[in-house]
Amino acid sequence: MKGFFLILFFTKSIFFFGQSGTKDVLTDWNSIVDSSFSISYPKTWTVDRSGENGTSFYLFSPFLSSNDVFQENVNLIIQDVKGYGITLDEYTQFSIDDIGKSIQNSRILENIRKNAHGLSYHKMVYTGEINGFNLTFMQYYWVENEKVYLLTFTAEPDQFSKYLPVADRILNSFVMK
């Protein structure tokens, strides 16, 4: 079972090249409405619903310039854990352990249980190095109806606080049906 979650962990924090800006992203928003969730995002962000890497979607911030080297993004992975009896506490502990083992120079910055829309979820913010890129991740995860919903915002550390208001708004707009 640990190998199963390790593979899923590596796919949950996908990142891509390119950097982006936050200008005008707080005014006009679109939504993804799916059979099991909905989420809102700035109209200036690009949506990828291809299912690549097991994601339900990627949301990519716009490129700031041709010199950008990382594109901030949000993605959702829904993991079927039917038959595993996984609880939110167990998944949280697995994630903490796995971050330390699989993310080079990792450091957990925030680790807190929260509630929204009548559901309990976990918020984890951490930094680390993947493939030579220093990144900051903000993840929300829920375990509901034998599924893990893993929502991740990924940014370069020096861009994280710049994007935080937009990322918070995107992640906090997520509603399971």
C-alpha atoms as a PDB file:
ATOM      1  CA  MET A   1       0.000   0.000   0.000  1.00  0.00           C
ATOM      2  CA  LYS A   2       2.879   2.386   0.743  1.00  0.00           C
ATOM      3  CA  GLY A   3       4.167   1.983  -2.812  1.00  0.00           C
ATOM      4  CA  PHE A   4       0.699   2.810  -4.152  1.00  0.00           C
ATOM      5  CA  PHE A   5       0.604   6.079  -2.207  1.00  0.00           C
ATOM      6  CA  LEU A   6       4.232   6.903  -3.049  1.00  0.00           C
ATOM      7  CA  ILE A   7       3.454   6.766  -6.768  1.00  0.00           C
ATOM      8  CA  LEU A   8       0.370   8.902  -6.264  1.00  0.00           C
ATOM      9  CA  PHE A   9       2.313  11.392  -4.147  1.00  0.00           C
ATOM     10  CA  PHE A  10       4.818  12.028  -6.916  1.00  0.00           C
ATOM     11  CA  THR A  11       2.031  12.809  -9.365  1.00  0.00           C
ATOM     12  CA  LYS A  12       0.096  15.092  -7.054  1.00  0.00           C
ATOM     13  CA  SER A  13       2.517  18.016  -7.037  1.00  0.00           C
ATOM     14  CA  ILE A  14       3.078  18.430 -10.733  1.00  0.00           C
ATOM     15  CA  PHE A  15       4.897  21.508 -11.892  1.00  0.00           C
ATOM     16  CA  PHE A  16       5.649  23.032 -15.267  1.00  0.00           C
ATOM     17  CA  PHE A  17       8.024  25.606 -16.707  1.00  0.00           C
ATOM     18  CA  GLY A  18       7.060  29.250 -16.945  1.00  0.00           C
ATOM     19  CA  GLN A  19       6.394  32.043 -14.505  1.00  0.00           C
ATOM     20  CA  SER A  20       3.329  34.204 -14.247  1.00  0.00           C
ATOM     21  CA  GLY A  21       1.795  37.362 -12.852  1.00  0.00           C
ATOM     22  CA  THR A  22      -1.207  38.214 -10.746  1.00  0.00           C
ATOM     23  CA  LYS A  23      -2.299  41.441 -12.457  1.00  0.00           C
ATOM     24  CA  ASP A  24      -6.091  41.648 -12.866  1.00  0.00           C
ATOM     25  CA  VAL A  25      -6.742  38.043 -11.793  1.00  0.00           C
ATOM     26  CA  LEU A  26      -8.981  38.920  -8.861  1.00  0.00           C
ATOM     27  CA  THR A  27     -11.792  40.449 -10.927  1.00  0.00           C
ATOM     28  CA  ASP A  28     -13.014  38.016 -13.601  1.00  0.00           C
ATOM     29  CA  TRP A  29     -13.471  34.360 -12.748  1.00  0.00           C
ATOM     30  CA  ASN A  30     -14.612  31.162 -14.468  1.00  0.00           C
ATOM     31  CA  SER A  31     -15.640  27.842 -12.944  1.00  0.00           C
ATOM     32  CA  ILE A  32     -15.136  24.172 -13.568  1.00  0.00           C
ATOM     33  CA  VAL A  33     -18.312  22.296 -12.680  1.00  0.00           C
ATOM     34  CA  ASP A  34     -17.856  18.535 -12.604  1.00  0.00           C
ATOM     35  CA  SER A  35     -20.088  15.721 -11.379  1.00  0.00           C
ATOM     36  CA  SER A  36     -18.094  15.426  -8.131  1.00  0.00           C
ATOM     37  CA  PHE A  37     -16.743  18.966  -7.540  1.00  0.00           C
ATOM     38  CA  SER A  38     -16.682  22.595  -8.578  1.00  0.00           C
ATOM     39  CA  ILE A  39     -13.906  25.185  -8.421  1.00  0.00           C
ATOM     40  CA  SER A  40     -13.438  28.787  -9.542  1.00  0.00           C
ATOM     41  CA  TYR A  41     -10.348  30.305 -11.130  1.00  0.00           C
ATOM     42  CA  PRO A  42      -9.251  33.575 -12.789  1.00  0.00           C
ATOM     43  CA  LYS A  43     -10.232  33.941 -16.444  1.00  0.00           C
ATOM     44  CA  THR A  44      -6.615  34.768 -17.231  1.00  0.00           C
ATOM     45  CA  TRP A  45      -5.488  31.296 -16.165  1.00  0.00           C
ATOM     46  CA  THR A  46      -5.358  28.385 -18.625  1.00  0.00           C
ATOM     47  CA  VAL A  47      -7.291  25.169 -17.967  1.00  0.00           C
ATOM     48  CA  ASP A  48      -5.989  21.722 -18.914  1.00  0.00           C
ATOM     49  CA  ARG A  49      -8.549  18.911 -18.505  1.00  0.00           C
ATOM     50  CA  SER A  50      -6.519  16.320 -20.453  1.00  0.00           C
ATOM     51  CA  GLY A  51      -6.147  14.047 -17.423  1.00  0.00           C
ATOM     52  CA  GLU A  52      -2.378  14.087 -17.752  1.00  0.00           C
ATOM     53  CA  ASN A  53      -0.620  12.497 -14.770  1.00  0.00           C
ATOM     54  CA  GLY A  54      -3.946  11.390 -13.312  1.00  0.00           C
ATOM     55  CA  THR A  55      -5.213  14.907 -12.739  1.00  0.00           C
ATOM     56  CA  SER A  56      -8.793  16.064 -13.010  1.00  0.00           C
ATOM     57  CA  PHE A  57      -7.419  19.425 -14.123  1.00  0.00           C
ATOM     58  CA  TYR A  58      -4.501  21.805 -14.135  1.00  0.00           C
ATOM     59  CA  LEU A  59      -4.916  25.567 -13.854  1.00  0.00           C
ATOM     60  CA  PHE A  60      -1.909  27.523 -15.135  1.00  0.00           C
ATOM     61  CA  SER A  61      -1.246  31.170 -14.386  1.00  0.00           C
ATOM     62  CA  PRO A  62      -0.374  33.373 -17.360  1.00  0.00           C
ATOM     63  CA  PHE A  63       3.239  33.805 -18.428  1.00  0.00           C
ATOM     64  CA  LEU A  64       4.762  37.054 -17.245  1.00  0.00           C
ATOM     65  CA  SER A  65       7.524  37.204 -19.866  1.00  0.00           C
ATOM     66  CA  SER A  66       9.557  35.039 -22.216  1.00  0.00           C
ATOM     67  CA  ASN A  67      12.252  34.838 -19.507  1.00  0.00           C
ATOM     68  CA  ASP A  68      10.042  33.045 -17.009  1.00  0.00           C
ATOM     69  CA  VAL A  69      11.256  29.639 -15.882  1.00  0.00           C
ATOM     70  CA  PHE A  70       8.300  28.325 -13.883  1.00  0.00           C
ATOM     71  CA  GLN A  71       4.551  28.570 -14.366  1.00  0.00           C
ATOM     72  CA  GLU A  72       2.573  28.630 -11.109  1.00  0.00           C
ATOM     73  CA  ASN A  73      -0.297  26.164 -11.138  1.00  0.00           C
ATOM     74  CA  VAL A  74      -3.113  24.432  -9.297  1.00  0.00           C
ATOM     75  CA  ASN A  75      -4.057  20.816  -9.894  1.00  0.00           C
ATOM     76  CA  LEU A  76      -6.524  18.293  -8.548  1.00  0.00           C
ATOM     77  CA  ILE A  77      -5.985  14.572  -8.256  1.00  0.00           C
ATOM     78  CA  ILE A  78      -8.778  12.313  -7.056  1.00  0.00           C
ATOM     79  CA  GLN A  79      -7.415   9.021  -5.730  1.00  0.00           C
ATOM     80  CA  ASP A  80      -9.701   6.030  -5.304  1.00  0.00           C
ATOM     81  CA  VAL A  81      -8.778   4.434  -1.971  1.00  0.00           C
ATOM     82  CA  LYS A  82     -11.752   2.080  -1.802  1.00  0.00           C
ATOM     83  CA  GLY A  83     -10.996  -0.919   0.351  1.00  0.00           C
ATOM     84  CA  TYR A  84      -7.986   0.679   2.061  1.00  0.00           C
ATOM     85  CA  GLY A  85      -9.952   2.219   4.929  1.00  0.00           C
ATOM     86  CA  ILE A  86      -7.778   5.339   4.806  1.00  0.00           C
ATOM     87  CA  THR A  87      -8.704   8.145   7.200  1.00  0.00           C
ATOM     88  CA  LEU A  88      -7.727  11.799   6.917  1.00  0.00           C
ATOM     89  CA  ASP A  89      -5.363  11.357   9.875  1.00  0.00           C
ATOM     90  CA  GLU A  90      -3.650   8.396   8.208  1.00  0.00           C
ATOM     91  CA  TYR A  91      -3.330  10.188   4.888  1.00  0.00           C
ATOM     92  CA  THR A  92      -1.924  13.253   6.653  1.00  0.00           C
ATOM     93  CA  GLN A  93       0.727  11.172   8.411  1.00  0.00           C
ATOM     94  CA  PHE A  94       1.574   9.341   5.184  1.00  0.00           C
ATOM     95  CA  SER A  95       2.010  12.692   3.420  1.00  0.00           C
ATOM     96  CA  ILE A  96       4.255  14.079   6.165  1.00  0.00           C
ATOM     97  CA  ASP A  97       6.442  10.962   6.046  1.00  0.00           C
ATOM     98  CA  ASP A  98       6.551  10.932   2.260  1.00  0.00           C
ATOM     99  CA  ILE A  99       7.453  14.617   1.940  1.00  0.00           C
ATOM    100  CA  GLY A 100      10.505  13.991   4.134  1.00  0.00           C
ATOM    101  CA  LYS A 101      11.567  10.970   2.099  1.00  0.00           C
ATOM    102  CA  SER A 102      10.824  12.087  -1.460  1.00  0.00           C
ATOM    103  CA  ILE A 103      11.301  15.869  -1.538  1.00  0.00           C
ATOM    104  CA  GLN A 104      14.919  16.954  -1.263  1.00  0.00           C
ATOM    105  CA  ASN A 105      15.618  19.634   1.383  1.00  0.00           C
ATOM    106  CA  SER A 106      11.958  19.593   2.386  1.00  0.00           C
ATOM    107  CA  ARG A 107      10.593  21.728   5.176  1.00  0.00           C
ATOM    108  CA  ILE A 108       6.989  21.768   6.376  1.00  0.00           C
ATOM    109  CA  LEU A 109       5.848  25.343   6.992  1.00  0.00           C
ATOM    110  CA  GLU A 110       2.205  24.756   7.916  1.00  0.00           C
ATOM    111  CA  ASN A 111       0.350  21.620   8.975  1.00  0.00           C
ATOM    112  CA  ILE A 112      -3.221  22.255  10.118  1.00  0.00           C
ATOM    113  CA  ARG A 113      -6.682  20.671  10.161  1.00  0.00           C
ATOM    114  CA  LYS A 114      -9.488  22.883   8.858  1.00  0.00           C
ATOM    115  CA  ASN A 115     -13.214  22.760   8.105  1.00  0.00           C
ATOM    116  CA  ALA A 116     -15.194  24.259   5.234  1.00  0.00           C
ATOM    117  CA  HIS A 117     -18.515  23.515   3.572  1.00  0.00           C
ATOM    118  CA  GLY A 118     -19.274  21.054   6.373  1.00  0.00           C
ATOM    119  CA  LEU A 119     -16.208  18.895   5.679  1.00  0.00           C
ATOM    120  CA  SER A 120     -12.910  18.444   7.475  1.00  0.00           C
ATOM    121  CA  TYR A 121      -9.737  18.736   5.396  1.00  0.00           C
ATOM    122  CA  HIS A 122      -6.023  19.121   5.944  1.00  0.00           C
ATOM    123  CA  LYS A 123      -3.835  22.016   4.819  1.00  0.00           C
ATOM    124  CA  MET A 124      -0.131  21.444   4.311  1.00  0.00           C
ATOM    125  CA  VAL A 125       2.377  24.056   3.114  1.00  0.00           C
ATOM    126  CA  TYR A 126       5.931  22.919   2.464  1.00  0.00           C
ATOM    127  CA  THR A 127       9.030  23.718   0.458  1.00  0.00           C
ATOM    128  CA  GLY A 128      11.529  21.490  -1.234  1.00  0.00           C
ATOM    129  CA  GLU A 129      13.547  20.721  -4.291  1.00  0.00           C
ATOM    130  CA  ILE A 130      12.310  18.603  -7.187  1.00  0.00           C
ATOM    131  CA  ASN A 131      14.444  18.045 -10.284  1.00  0.00           C
ATOM    132  CA  GLY A 132      16.615  21.016  -9.365  1.00  0.00           C
ATOM    133  CA  PHE A 133      13.698  23.412  -8.823  1.00  0.00           C
ATOM    134  CA  ASN A 134      13.069  24.944  -5.408  1.00  0.00           C
ATOM    135  CA  LEU A 135       9.298  25.049  -4.995  1.00  0.00           C
ATOM    136  CA  THR A 136       6.643  25.833  -2.433  1.00  0.00           C
ATOM    137  CA  PHE A 137       3.500  23.704  -2.277  1.00  0.00           C
ATOM    138  CA  MET A 138       0.185  24.433  -0.621  1.00  0.00           C
ATOM    139  CA  GLN A 139      -2.045  21.378  -0.479  1.00  0.00           C
ATOM    140  CA  TYR A 140      -5.563  20.795   0.727  1.00  0.00           C
ATOM    141  CA  TYR A 141      -6.719  17.216   1.016  1.00  0.00           C
ATOM    142  CA  TRP A 142      -9.934  15.527   1.945  1.00  0.00           C
ATOM    143  CA  VAL A 143     -10.800  11.862   2.425  1.00  0.00           C
ATOM    144  CA  GLU A 144     -14.473  11.439   1.552  1.00  0.00           C
ATOM    145  CA  ASN A 145     -16.483   8.500   0.202  1.00  0.00           C
ATOM    146  CA  GLU A 146     -13.361   6.332  -0.086  1.00  0.00           C
ATOM    147  CA  LYS A 147     -11.568   8.901  -2.229  1.00  0.00           C
ATOM    148  CA  VAL A 148      -8.740  11.315  -1.545  1.00  0.00           C
ATOM    149  CA  TYR A 149      -9.195  14.735  -3.115  1.00  0.00           C
ATOM    150  CA  LEU A 150      -5.765  16.343  -3.372  1.00  0.00           C
ATOM    151  CA  LEU A 151      -5.736  19.997  -4.417  1.00  0.00           C
ATOM    152  CA  THR A 152      -2.260  21.503  -4.870  1.00  0.00           C
ATOM    153  CA  PHE A 153      -0.936  24.980  -5.585  1.00  0.00           C
ATOM    154  CA  THR A 154       2.714  25.030  -6.698  1.00  0.00           C
ATOM    155  CA  ALA A 155       4.923  28.120  -6.961  1.00  0.00           C
ATOM    156  CA  GLU A 156       8.502  29.244  -6.827  1.00  0.00           C
ATOM    157  CA  PRO A 157       9.306  30.352  -3.263  1.00  0.00           C
ATOM    158  CA  ASP A 158       9.912  33.971  -4.289  1.00  0.00           C
ATOM    159  CA  GLN A 159       6.536  34.064  -6.071  1.00  0.00           C
ATOM    160  CA  PHE A 160       4.495  32.209  -3.443  1.00  0.00           C
ATOM    161  CA  SER A 161       3.398  35.212  -1.371  1.00  0.00           C
ATOM    162  CA  LYS A 162       2.638  37.188  -4.531  1.00  0.00           C
ATOM    163  CA  TYR A 163       0.224  34.476  -5.700  1.00  0.00           C
ATOM    164  CA  LEU A 164      -1.133  33.553  -2.271  1.00  0.00           C
ATOM    165  CA  PRO A 165      -4.304  35.714  -2.432  1.00  0.00           C
ATOM    166  CA  VAL A 166      -5.264  34.171  -5.776  1.00  0.00           C
ATOM    167  CA  ALA A 167      -4.248  30.651  -4.741  1.00  0.00           C
ATOM    168  CA  ASP A 168      -6.238  30.938  -1.506  1.00  0.00           C
ATOM    169  CA  ARG A 169      -9.282  32.090  -3.422  1.00  0.00           C
ATOM    170  CA  ILE A 170      -8.975  29.231  -5.932  1.00  0.00           C
ATOM    171  CA  LEU A 171      -8.410  26.518  -3.325  1.00  0.00           C
ATOM    172  CA  ASN A 172     -11.104  27.872  -1.009  1.00  0.00           C
ATOM    173  CA  SER A 173     -13.626  27.882  -3.862  1.00  0.00           C
ATOM    174  CA  PHE A 174     -13.341  24.082  -4.176  1.00  0.00           C
ATOM    175  CA  VAL A 175     -16.596  22.324  -3.263  1.00  0.00           C
ATOM    176  CA  MET A 176     -17.265  18.578  -3.381  1.00  0.00           C
ATOM    177  CA  LYS A 177     -20.721  17.487  -4.481  1.00  0.00           C
END
